[in-house]
Amino acid sequence: MAAILFRYARYKHYNVTARADLSAFTDCGKVSSWAAEAMSWANAAGLINGLGDGRLAPQGSAVRCQTAAMLHRFCKIS
């Protein structure tokens, strides 16, 4: 999700320069190298905030309500 939103935002010439330090999340090491920049941006932009237990779950699947929340937040920044 982060990579899709990041690439679309870049395509639309939105500001994608914000970056967050993901080291606060216990599973930050599981973020794939190809998705690290996008995940850092998505967290800094407030699109992806983690699961509330200190994890991002970057290898997991987003359920419908999580996807809807991310898309809703994305619409607010665009």
N, C-alpha and C. Protein backbone atom coordinates (compact mmCIF):
# COMPACT_ATOMS: atom_id res chain seq x y z
N MET A 1 0.82 -1.19 0.00
CA MET A 1 0.00 0.00 0.00
C MET A 1 0.86 1.25 0.00
N ALA A 2 1.89 1.25 0.82
CA ALA A 2 2.76 2.43 0.90
C ALA A 2 3.42 2.71 -0.44
N ALA A 3 3.90 1.69 -1.09
CA ALA A 3 4.58 1.87 -2.38
C ALA A 3 3.61 2.37 -3.45
N ILE A 4 2.41 1.84 -3.46
CA ILE A 4 1.41 2.27 -4.45
C ILE A 4 1.08 3.74 -4.24
N LEU A 5 0.78 4.11 -3.00
CA LEU A 5 0.41 5.50 -2.72
C LEU A 5 1.57 6.45 -2.97
N PHE A 6 2.78 6.02 -2.59
CA PHE A 6 3.97 6.85 -2.80
C PHE A 6 4.20 7.10 -4.29
N ARG A 7 4.14 6.06 -5.07
CA ARG A 7 4.38 6.20 -6.51
C ARG A 7 3.30 7.03 -7.18
N TYR A 8 2.07 6.85 -6.76
CA TYR A 8 0.99 7.66 -7.33
C TYR A 8 1.15 9.12 -6.94
N ALA A 9 1.49 9.40 -5.70
CA ALA A 9 1.70 10.77 -5.24
C ALA A 9 2.84 11.42 -6.02
N ARG A 10 3.90 10.68 -6.23
CA ARG A 10 5.03 11.21 -7.01
C ARG A 10 4.61 11.48 -8.45
N TYR A 11 3.83 10.58 -9.03
CA TYR A 11 3.31 10.75 -10.39
C TYR A 11 2.45 12.01 -10.51
N LYS A 12 1.66 12.29 -9.47
CA LYS A 12 0.78 13.47 -9.47
C LYS A 12 1.52 14.74 -9.03
N HIS A 13 2.81 14.63 -8.78
CA HIS A 13 3.66 15.75 -8.37
C HIS A 13 3.28 16.32 -7.01
N TYR A 14 2.81 15.44 -6.12
CA TYR A 14 2.58 15.86 -4.74
C TYR A 14 3.92 15.91 -4.03
N ASN A 15 3.96 16.59 -2.94
CA ASN A 15 5.20 16.66 -2.15
C ASN A 15 5.40 15.32 -1.44
N VAL A 16 6.45 14.62 -1.81
CA VAL A 16 6.76 13.32 -1.21
C VAL A 16 8.13 13.34 -0.54
N THR A 17 8.52 14.50 -0.05
CA THR A 17 9.86 14.63 0.54
C THR A 17 9.91 14.26 2.02
N ALA A 18 8.77 14.22 2.69
CA ALA A 18 8.76 13.91 4.13
C ALA A 18 9.24 12.48 4.37
N ARG A 19 9.99 12.29 5.44
CA ARG A 19 10.47 10.96 5.82
C ARG A 19 10.35 10.81 7.33
N ALA A 20 10.02 9.63 7.76
CA ALA A 20 9.94 9.31 9.19
C ALA A 20 11.01 8.29 9.53
N ASP A 21 11.45 8.32 10.77
CA ASP A 21 12.37 7.32 11.28
C ASP A 21 11.54 6.12 11.73
N LEU A 22 11.67 5.03 11.04
CA LEU A 22 10.87 3.85 11.34
C LEU A 22 11.46 2.97 12.43
N SER A 23 12.60 3.37 12.98
CA SER A 23 13.27 2.52 13.96
C SER A 23 12.47 2.36 15.25
N ALA A 24 11.48 3.18 15.47
CA ALA A 24 10.65 3.04 16.67
C ALA A 24 9.74 1.81 16.59
N PHE A 25 9.53 1.30 15.40
CA PHE A 25 8.69 0.12 15.21
C PHE A 25 9.53 -1.14 15.37
N THR A 26 9.03 -2.09 16.11
CA THR A 26 9.82 -3.29 16.43
C THR A 26 10.11 -4.15 15.20
N ASP A 27 9.30 -4.04 14.17
CA ASP A 27 9.53 -4.84 12.96
C ASP A 27 10.02 -4.01 11.78
N CYS A 28 10.67 -2.90 12.07
CA CYS A 28 11.15 -2.03 10.98
C CYS A 28 12.14 -2.75 10.08
N GLY A 29 12.85 -3.73 10.59
CA GLY A 29 13.80 -4.49 9.79
C GLY A 29 13.14 -5.38 8.76
N LYS A 30 11.84 -5.56 8.86
CA LYS A 30 11.13 -6.40 7.90
C LYS A 30 10.60 -5.61 6.71
N VAL A 31 10.81 -4.29 6.71
CA VAL A 31 10.41 -3.49 5.55
C VAL A 31 11.37 -3.81 4.41
N SER A 32 10.84 -4.24 3.29
CA SER A 32 11.67 -4.57 2.13
C SER A 32 12.42 -3.34 1.65
N SER A 33 13.61 -3.56 1.14
CA SER A 33 14.43 -2.43 0.69
C SER A 33 13.74 -1.61 -0.39
N TRP A 34 12.99 -2.28 -1.27
CA TRP A 34 12.31 -1.55 -2.34
C TRP A 34 11.13 -0.73 -1.83
N ALA A 35 10.66 -0.99 -0.60
CA ALA A 35 9.52 -0.27 -0.04
C ALA A 35 9.91 0.68 1.09
N ALA A 36 11.17 0.71 1.47
CA ALA A 36 11.59 1.49 2.64
C ALA A 36 11.32 2.98 2.47
N GLU A 37 11.65 3.55 1.34
CA GLU A 37 11.42 4.98 1.11
C GLU A 37 9.92 5.29 1.15
N ALA A 38 9.14 4.46 0.51
CA ALA A 38 7.69 4.66 0.48
C ALA A 38 7.09 4.52 1.88
N MET A 39 7.53 3.54 2.64
CA MET A 39 7.00 3.34 3.99
C MET A 39 7.38 4.50 4.89
N SER A 40 8.60 4.98 4.75
CA SER A 40 9.05 6.12 5.54
C SER A 40 8.20 7.36 5.21
N TRP A 41 7.93 7.58 3.93
CA TRP A 41 7.08 8.71 3.52
C TRP A 41 5.66 8.52 4.04
N ALA A 42 5.09 7.34 3.87
CA ALA A 42 3.71 7.08 4.28
C ALA A 42 3.53 7.29 5.78
N ASN A 43 4.52 6.92 6.56
CA ASN A 43 4.44 7.14 8.00
C ASN A 43 4.57 8.62 8.32
N ALA A 44 5.50 9.31 7.68
CA ALA A 44 5.68 10.74 7.91
C ALA A 44 4.44 11.53 7.50
N ALA A 45 3.77 11.08 6.43
CA ALA A 45 2.57 11.76 5.94
C ALA A 45 1.33 11.41 6.74
N GLY A 46 1.45 10.46 7.68
CA GLY A 46 0.32 10.07 8.51
C GLY A 46 -0.62 9.07 7.86
N LEU A 47 -0.17 8.46 6.77
CA LEU A 47 -1.02 7.49 6.07
C LEU A 47 -0.98 6.12 6.74
N ILE A 48 0.19 5.74 7.20
CA ILE A 48 0.38 4.44 7.86
C ILE A 48 0.99 4.73 9.23
N ASN A 49 0.26 4.35 10.27
CA ASN A 49 0.69 4.68 11.62
C ASN A 49 1.06 3.48 12.47
N GLY A 50 1.02 2.31 11.90
CA GLY A 50 1.32 1.10 12.65
C GLY A 50 0.08 0.51 13.27
N LEU A 51 0.25 -0.58 13.96
CA LEU A 51 -0.88 -1.33 14.51
C LEU A 51 -1.23 -0.98 15.95
N GLY A 52 -0.52 -0.07 16.54
CA GLY A 52 -0.81 0.30 17.92
C GLY A 52 -0.05 -0.51 18.95
N ASP A 53 0.60 -1.56 18.51
CA ASP A 53 1.40 -2.40 19.42
C ASP A 53 2.88 -2.27 19.12
N GLY A 54 3.25 -1.21 18.41
CA GLY A 54 4.65 -0.97 18.09
C GLY A 54 5.13 -1.64 16.82
N ARG A 55 4.19 -2.19 16.05
CA ARG A 55 4.57 -2.86 14.79
C ARG A 55 3.96 -2.14 13.59
N LEU A 56 4.65 -2.26 12.47
CA LEU A 56 4.13 -1.80 11.18
C LEU A 56 3.47 -2.93 10.41
N ALA A 57 3.93 -4.13 10.61
CA ALA A 57 3.48 -5.31 9.87
C ALA A 57 3.65 -5.12 8.37
N PRO A 58 4.88 -4.80 7.93
CA PRO A 58 5.10 -4.50 6.51
C PRO A 58 4.91 -5.70 5.58
N GLN A 59 4.98 -6.89 6.11
CA GLN A 59 4.80 -8.08 5.27
C GLN A 59 3.37 -8.60 5.34
N GLY A 60 2.52 -7.93 6.11
CA GLY A 60 1.14 -8.36 6.28
C GLY A 60 0.24 -7.85 5.16
N SER A 61 -1.01 -8.21 5.26
CA SER A 61 -2.02 -7.76 4.31
C SER A 61 -2.92 -6.75 5.00
N ALA A 62 -3.26 -5.69 4.30
CA ALA A 62 -4.17 -4.70 4.85
C ALA A 62 -5.60 -5.19 4.64
N VAL A 63 -6.37 -5.15 5.71
CA VAL A 63 -7.78 -5.52 5.58
C VAL A 63 -8.56 -4.31 5.07
N ARG A 64 -9.83 -4.53 4.74
CA ARG A 64 -10.63 -3.49 4.11
C ARG A 64 -10.63 -2.19 4.90
N CYS A 65 -10.85 -2.26 6.20
CA CYS A 65 -10.94 -1.03 7.00
C CYS A 65 -9.60 -0.29 7.06
N GLN A 66 -8.49 -1.02 7.08
CA GLN A 66 -7.18 -0.38 7.06
C GLN A 66 -6.93 0.30 5.72
N THR A 67 -7.29 -0.38 4.66
CA THR A 67 -7.13 0.19 3.32
C THR A 67 -7.98 1.44 3.17
N ALA A 68 -9.21 1.38 3.62
CA ALA A 68 -10.11 2.54 3.55
C ALA A 68 -9.54 3.72 4.33
N ALA A 69 -8.99 3.45 5.50
CA ALA A 69 -8.41 4.53 6.32
C ALA A 69 -7.21 5.15 5.61
N MET A 70 -6.35 4.33 5.03
CA MET A 70 -5.20 4.86 4.31
C MET A 70 -5.62 5.71 3.11
N LEU A 71 -6.59 5.22 2.35
CA LEU A 71 -7.07 5.98 1.19
C LEU A 71 -7.75 7.27 1.61
N HIS A 72 -8.49 7.24 2.70
CA HIS A 72 -9.13 8.45 3.21
C HIS A 72 -8.08 9.48 3.61
N ARG A 73 -7.06 9.04 4.32
CA ARG A 73 -5.98 9.95 4.72
C ARG A 73 -5.24 10.49 3.50
N PHE A 74 -5.03 9.63 2.51
CA PHE A 74 -4.35 10.06 1.29
C PHE A 74 -5.15 11.16 0.59
N CYS A 75 -6.45 11.01 0.52
CA CYS A 75 -7.30 12.02 -0.12
C CYS A 75 -7.20 13.37 0.57
N LYS A 76 -6.97 13.36 1.86
CA LYS A 76 -6.83 14.61 2.60
C LYS A 76 -5.53 15.35 2.30
N ILE A 77 -4.47 14.61 1.94
CA ILE A 77 -3.19 15.27 1.67
C ILE A 77 -3.04 15.66 0.21
N SER A 78 -3.89 15.12 -0.65
CA SER A 78 -3.74 15.41 -2.09
C SER A 78 -4.44 16.68 -2.49
